[in-house]
Protein backbone atom coordinates (compact mmCIF):
# COMPACT_ATOMS: atom_id res chain seq x y z
CA ARG A 1 65.69 215.11 93.02
CA LEU A 2 64.99 216.11 96.92
CA MET A 3 66.03 212.53 97.72
CA GLN A 4 69.43 213.07 95.99
CA ARG A 5 70.24 216.60 96.52
CA ARG A 6 68.45 217.89 99.66
CA PRO A 7 66.55 214.87 101.74
CA VAL A 8 65.96 217.15 104.53
CA ALA A 9 63.28 219.14 102.40
CA ILE A 10 61.21 215.94 102.02
CA ALA A 11 59.20 216.77 105.11
CA ALA A 12 58.22 220.08 104.22
CA HIS A 13 57.23 219.07 100.53
CA VAL A 14 55.41 215.90 101.97
CA LEU A 15 53.95 216.73 105.00
CA GLY A 16 53.67 220.25 104.69
CA THR A 17 54.69 222.89 107.96
CA GLY A 18 51.60 222.62 109.61
CA PHE A 19 51.03 219.13 109.59
CA ALA A 20 54.74 218.58 110.15
CA LEU A 21 54.35 220.81 113.56
CA PHE A 22 51.31 218.93 114.31
CA LEU A 23 53.14 215.65 114.37
CA ALA A 24 56.15 217.33 116.03
CA GLY A 25 53.78 218.56 119.09
CA GLY A 26 52.00 215.41 119.68
CA THR A 27 54.92 213.21 119.52
CA ALA A 28 57.11 215.29 121.69
CA GLY A 29 53.93 215.21 124.28
CA ALA A 30 53.23 211.53 123.91
CA LEU A 31 56.80 210.47 124.29
CA ALA A 32 57.04 212.73 127.16
CA LYS A 33 54.13 211.40 129.12
CA THR A 34 54.86 207.70 128.46
CA CYS A 35 57.99 207.78 130.03
CA THR A 36 56.92 209.58 133.24
CA ALA A 37 53.49 207.86 133.36
CA PRO A 38 54.23 205.65 136.70
CA LEU A 39 55.32 208.66 138.33
CA ASP A 40 52.15 210.69 137.03
CA ARG A 41 50.04 208.10 138.33
CA VAL A 42 51.54 208.15 141.95
CA LYS A 43 51.26 211.72 142.10
CA ILE A 44 47.44 211.76 141.12
CA ILE A 45 46.81 208.68 143.87
CA MET A 46 48.68 210.77 146.54
CA GLN A 47 46.66 214.05 145.59
CA ILE A 48 43.23 212.17 145.94
CA SER A 49 44.24 209.78 148.72
CA SER A 50 42.40 211.99 151.68
CA ALA A 51 39.37 211.88 149.90
CA ASN A 52 39.39 208.75 147.77
CA GLN A 53 40.89 205.44 149.32
CA GLN A 54 39.37 203.00 146.83
CA THR A 55 42.67 201.17 145.68
CA ALA A 56 45.17 199.66 147.68
CA ALA A 57 47.76 202.42 146.36
CA ALA A 58 45.48 205.25 147.68
CA LYS A 59 45.45 203.34 151.31
CA ALA A 60 49.30 203.36 150.95
CA ALA A 61 49.60 206.63 150.03
CA ALA A 62 47.17 208.31 152.80
CA SER A 63 49.18 206.47 155.42
CA GLY A 64 52.89 205.90 154.25
CA GLY A 65 53.60 208.34 151.44
CA LEU A 66 55.41 207.82 148.16
CA VAL A 67 57.39 204.74 148.52
CA PRO A 68 54.48 202.60 149.99
CA ALA A 69 51.90 203.71 147.41
CA PHE A 70 54.71 203.04 144.66
CA ILE A 71 54.99 199.44 145.88
CA ALA A 72 51.27 199.08 146.26
CA ILE A 73 50.81 199.85 142.77
CA GLY A 74 53.02 196.79 141.87
CA LYS A 75 51.70 194.55 144.33
CA SER A 76 48.11 194.91 143.52
CA GLU A 77 47.98 195.53 139.99
CA GLY A 78 51.39 194.28 138.45
CA ILE A 79 53.80 196.18 136.17
CA LYS A 80 50.93 197.29 133.92
CA GLY A 81 49.27 199.36 136.72
CA TYR A 82 51.99 201.87 136.57
CA TRP A 83 50.82 202.78 133.26
CA LYS A 84 47.04 202.47 133.84
CA GLY A 85 45.32 205.37 132.50
CA ASN A 86 48.13 206.15 130.10
CA VAL A 87 46.23 205.20 126.81
CA PRO A 88 43.61 208.29 127.26
CA GLN A 89 46.61 210.35 128.40
CA VAL A 90 48.60 209.59 125.17
CA ILE A 91 45.56 210.27 122.92
CA ARG A 92 44.56 213.11 124.74
CA ILE A 93 48.40 214.63 125.01
CA LEU A 94 48.69 214.01 121.09
CA PRO A 95 46.11 217.11 120.15
CA TYR A 96 46.96 218.93 123.97
CA SER A 97 50.73 219.05 123.03
CA THR A 98 50.02 220.16 119.47
CA ALA A 99 47.29 222.76 120.44
CA MET A 100 49.41 223.97 123.47
CA LEU A 101 52.79 224.36 121.85
CA ASN A 102 51.57 225.74 118.29
CA SER A 103 48.66 228.16 119.84
CA TYR A 104 51.83 229.50 122.03
CA GLU A 105 53.37 230.42 119.25
CA PHE A 106 50.39 231.61 117.44
CA TYR A 107 49.50 234.10 120.85
CA LYS A 108 53.06 235.55 120.51
CA GLN A 109 52.76 236.27 117.13
CA GLN A 110 49.37 238.03 117.62
CA PHE A 111 50.90 240.04 120.69
CA GLY A 112 54.05 240.88 118.89
CA GLY A 113 53.40 241.30 115.46
CA ASP A 114 56.21 242.12 113.00
CA GLU A 115 58.71 242.72 115.58
CA TYR A 116 58.40 239.43 117.22
CA ARG A 117 58.04 237.68 113.36
CA GLU A 118 61.43 239.45 112.54
CA ASN A 119 63.42 239.30 115.65
CA GLY A 120 61.53 237.31 118.29
CA THR A 121 61.22 240.55 120.58
CA LEU A 122 58.09 240.26 123.04
CA PRO A 123 57.71 241.78 126.45
CA VAL A 124 57.45 239.54 129.42
CA PRO A 125 53.68 240.25 130.08
CA ALA A 126 52.90 239.37 126.34
CA ARG A 127 54.66 236.16 127.09
CA LEU A 128 53.06 235.37 130.08
CA ALA A 129 49.65 235.91 128.67
CA SER A 130 50.49 233.86 125.60
CA GLY A 131 51.24 230.82 127.73
CA ALA A 132 48.10 231.23 129.80
CA LEU A 133 45.94 231.44 126.66
CA ALA A 134 47.81 228.42 125.02
CA ALA A 135 47.11 226.44 128.27
CA CYS A 136 43.34 227.29 128.11
CA THR A 137 43.03 226.56 124.52
CA ALA A 138 44.74 223.05 124.95
CA THR A 139 42.71 222.38 127.69
CA LEU A 140 39.16 223.36 126.29
CA VAL A 141 40.22 220.87 123.45
CA THR A 142 41.08 217.89 125.39
CA TYR A 143 39.45 218.09 128.58
CA PRO A 144 36.99 214.93 128.84
CA LEU A 145 40.14 212.86 128.12
CA ASP A 146 41.71 214.48 131.29
CA ILE A 147 38.43 213.23 133.16
CA ILE A 148 38.68 209.64 131.91
CA ARG A 149 41.96 209.28 132.66
CA LEU A 150 41.64 210.44 136.19
CA ARG A 151 38.65 207.94 136.91
CA LEU A 152 40.82 205.05 135.61
CA SER A 153 43.65 205.85 137.65
CA VAL A 154 41.78 206.04 140.76
CA ASP A 155 38.91 203.42 140.33
CA PRO A 156 39.81 199.85 140.69
CA ASN A 157 36.50 198.92 139.04
CA MET A 158 37.21 200.34 135.53
CA THR A 159 39.53 199.01 133.17
CA THR A 160 38.60 200.61 129.85
CA MET A 161 37.89 203.82 128.44
CA THR A 162 34.80 202.89 127.03
CA GLN A 163 33.68 201.40 130.51
CA VAL A 164 34.45 204.82 132.12
CA CYS A 165 32.60 206.83 129.43
CA LYS A 166 29.36 204.51 129.99
CA ALA A 167 29.70 204.82 133.58
CA ILE A 168 30.03 208.84 133.51
CA VAL A 169 26.97 209.08 130.87
CA LYS A 170 24.50 206.95 133.00
CA GLU A 171 25.55 208.02 136.62
CA GLU A 172 26.43 211.78 136.30
CA GLY A 173 25.20 212.94 132.83
CA ALA A 174 27.39 214.14 130.20
CA LYS A 175 28.16 217.58 131.93
CA ALA A 176 30.40 215.31 134.14
CA PHE A 177 33.21 215.00 131.62
CA PHE A 178 33.84 218.81 132.25
CA LYS A 179 33.87 218.69 136.00
CA GLY A 180 36.39 220.58 137.49
CA LEU A 181 37.06 222.71 134.27
CA PRO A 182 37.14 226.24 135.78
CA ALA A 183 39.76 224.97 138.46
CA THR A 184 41.70 223.24 135.74
CA CYS A 185 41.82 226.48 133.65
CA LEU A 186 42.68 228.45 136.65
CA SER A 187 45.61 226.08 138.22
CA ILE A 188 46.95 225.22 134.43
CA SER A 189 46.89 229.01 133.26
CA PRO A 190 49.73 230.23 135.57
CA TYR A 191 51.60 227.19 135.26
CA SER A 192 52.00 227.41 131.82
CA ALA A 193 52.54 231.14 131.54
CA LEU A 194 55.62 230.91 133.88
CA ASN A 195 56.80 227.64 132.36
CA PHE A 196 56.66 228.74 128.88
CA CYS A 197 57.85 232.47 130.11
CA ALA A 198 60.60 231.28 131.89
CA PHE A 199 61.69 228.87 129.22
CA ASP A 200 61.86 231.22 126.56
CA LEU A 201 64.10 233.73 128.90
CA ILE A 202 66.17 231.43 130.23
CA LYS A 203 66.75 229.83 126.84
CA LYS A 204 68.17 233.28 125.76
CA ALA A 205 69.87 233.88 128.74
CA ILE A 206 72.26 230.81 128.59
CA PRO A 207 75.45 232.22 126.59
CA GLY A 208 76.65 230.29 123.55
CA GLU A 209 75.03 228.66 120.96
CA GLU A 210 71.67 227.09 121.22
CA THR A 211 71.99 223.11 121.30
CA ALA A 212 69.62 220.48 122.61
CA GLN A 213 71.71 220.38 126.06
CA THR A 214 71.19 224.31 126.70
CA VAL A 215 67.43 224.10 125.72
CA ALA A 216 67.06 220.88 127.90
CA ALA A 217 68.42 222.84 130.71
CA ALA A 218 66.24 225.95 130.48
CA SER A 219 63.33 223.82 130.32
CA PHE A 220 64.14 221.87 133.42
CA ILE A 221 64.68 225.18 135.28
CA ALA A 222 61.37 226.58 133.87
CA THR A 223 59.83 223.57 134.95
CA MET A 224 60.95 223.55 138.49
CA LEU A 225 60.15 227.33 138.99
CA ALA A 226 56.50 226.79 137.63
CA SER A 227 55.88 223.56 139.90
CA GLY A 228 56.83 225.03 142.91
CA THR A 229 54.60 227.84 142.41
CA CYS A 230 51.39 226.58 141.03
CA TYR A 231 51.02 222.99 142.66
CA PRO A 232 48.18 223.51 145.37
CA LEU A 233 45.95 224.61 142.40
CA ASP A 234 46.75 221.38 140.77
CA THR A 235 45.75 219.59 143.54
CA ILE A 236 42.51 221.19 144.15
CA ARG A 237 41.44 220.60 140.49
CA ARG A 238 42.03 216.97 140.84
CA GLN A 239 40.13 216.59 143.76
CA MET A 240 37.23 218.56 142.19
CA GLN A 241 37.24 216.04 139.20
CA LEU A 242 36.49 213.01 141.29
CA LYS A 243 33.16 211.54 141.12
CA SER A 244 32.20 211.58 144.90
CA SER A 245 33.22 215.78 144.69
CA ASN A 246 30.67 218.13 145.60
CA TYR A 247 32.85 221.33 146.08
CA SER A 248 30.75 224.28 144.97
CA SER A 249 34.13 226.21 143.82
CA ILE A 250 37.77 226.48 143.75
CA VAL A 251 37.61 228.41 147.11
CA ASP A 252 35.48 225.66 148.61
CA ALA A 253 37.53 222.94 147.43
CA GLY A 254 40.61 224.85 148.94
CA LYS A 255 39.02 225.69 152.43
CA ALA A 256 37.83 222.10 152.52
CA ILE A 257 41.42 220.52 152.17
CA LEU A 258 42.82 222.85 154.52
CA ALA A 259 40.53 222.02 156.92
CA ARG A 260 40.79 218.27 156.49
CA ASP A 261 44.51 217.88 155.93
CA GLY A 262 45.96 221.13 156.84
CA ALA A 263 48.31 222.98 154.23
CA LYS A 264 50.53 219.52 153.58
CA GLY A 265 47.40 218.38 152.18
CA LEU A 266 47.65 220.81 149.17
CA PHE A 267 51.06 219.48 148.49
CA ARG A 268 50.13 215.51 148.74
CA GLY A 269 52.19 213.90 145.69
CA PHE A 270 54.57 217.02 145.07
CA LEU A 271 57.77 215.19 145.30
CA PRO A 272 56.55 212.60 142.54
CA ASN A 273 55.53 215.43 140.78
CA VAL A 274 59.14 217.34 140.86
CA ILE A 275 60.77 213.81 139.74
CA LYS A 276 58.28 213.76 137.27
CA ASN A 277 58.03 217.13 135.47
CA ALA A 278 61.81 217.56 135.28
CA PRO A 279 62.10 214.81 132.59
CA ASN A 280 58.71 215.01 131.26
CA LYS A 281 58.85 218.70 130.37
CA SER A 282 62.39 218.66 129.52
CA VAL A 283 61.76 215.76 127.06
CA GLN A 284 58.79 217.41 125.55
CA LEU A 285 60.11 221.17 125.18
CA THR A 286 63.30 219.87 123.94
CA THR A 287 61.98 217.35 121.69
CA PHE A 288 59.81 219.94 119.99
CA ASP A 289 62.51 222.54 120.01
CA VAL A 290 64.63 219.92 117.75
CA PHE A 291 61.81 219.32 115.72
CA ARG A 292 60.63 222.89 115.07
CA ARG A 293 64.15 223.50 114.10
CA LYS A 294 64.21 220.59 111.36
CA ILE A 295 61.22 221.49 110.12
CA LYS A 296 62.61 225.08 109.47
CA GLU A 297 65.71 223.54 108.02
CA SER A 298 63.54 221.37 105.66
CA GLU A 299 61.30 224.78 104.71
CA LYS A 300 64.50 226.48 103.84
CA ALA A 301 65.93 223.53 102.06
CA LEU A 302 62.68 223.33 100.15
CA GLU A 303 62.55 226.66 99.01
CA GLU A 304 66.24 227.01 97.68
CA GLU A 305 65.49 223.82 95.96
CA LYS A 306 62.44 225.39 94.05
CA THR A 307 64.42 228.48 93.28
CA ALA A 308 67.49 225.84 91.66
CA TRP A 309 64.69 224.33 89.91
CA ALA A 310 63.40 227.24 88.49
CA ALA A 311 66.77 228.49 87.32
CA GLU A 312 67.56 225.13 85.55
CA CYS A 313 64.21 224.91 83.93
CA LYS A 314 64.76 228.78 82.56
CA LYS A 315 68.62 227.87 81.65
CA ASN A 316 67.28 224.84 79.55
CA SER A 317 64.34 226.77 77.85
CA LYS A 318 66.97 229.25 76.76
CA LYS A 319 69.44 226.24 75.38
CA ARG A 320 66.44 225.14 73.36
CA ARG A 321 65.74 228.08 71.78
């Protein structure tokens, strides 16, 4: 019946709203990360190049910057080198994106209550808090995979996730899987808060009907704003995640980077990050937004079909009498 009359209702009927949103968030994140993985790897290598130069790409990044580093990856590792570390990233991003996007909606509902659920109204501080809490929630759920991805990206001797896990447990202990966690939460919270809040507000401010294009434009502007504001914290947390890192705190790491590299050291890899983040967040937020609207449409269609089916059953029952 649904296939013939309202095929859009099948998603809500078969998957359920919760699982459909889970898949939507995960798919959006995995697609975005895979598309931008080469730039992400260059960014990470540039961020840690002053503290770790084990690879040819890291040496090229330290001496020449973005373009030499990008070329060095291809020369020393081949095309597949641009996607090294992407497997744990995709595995991580499925639960991460799902936790981030759905917990953001959850926290907004908690802060906004009935008023938000009815008309979408929510004060800016509540939106910022929701974004920050969503980032921390997602980070706590998936942090060990972020450590594994970093080690794969910067250590030429590591080729598989299993190899990295064994080395970490053997040489550093299980606690190393959470190395740099406070710095990560501190760096990702303001970024996520700004990104989500700006996205919501800019999307509403764009005149006319909401479309995929307006959503993409809003996410692009929001990402640029958040990236430029919070990037130094991301550099600090990446260096704290290294095996060789012995920083005692975020402040200690920041001071050490400034002393060794100057202020520009905090912005190493910023250019590939901007180039990467624009399509990355645009793809992620736009894809999820489109999926979410389709899921709502599916829910509505399913309820309408249930009502119609109940009415038909009642009518047929009366005829039999």
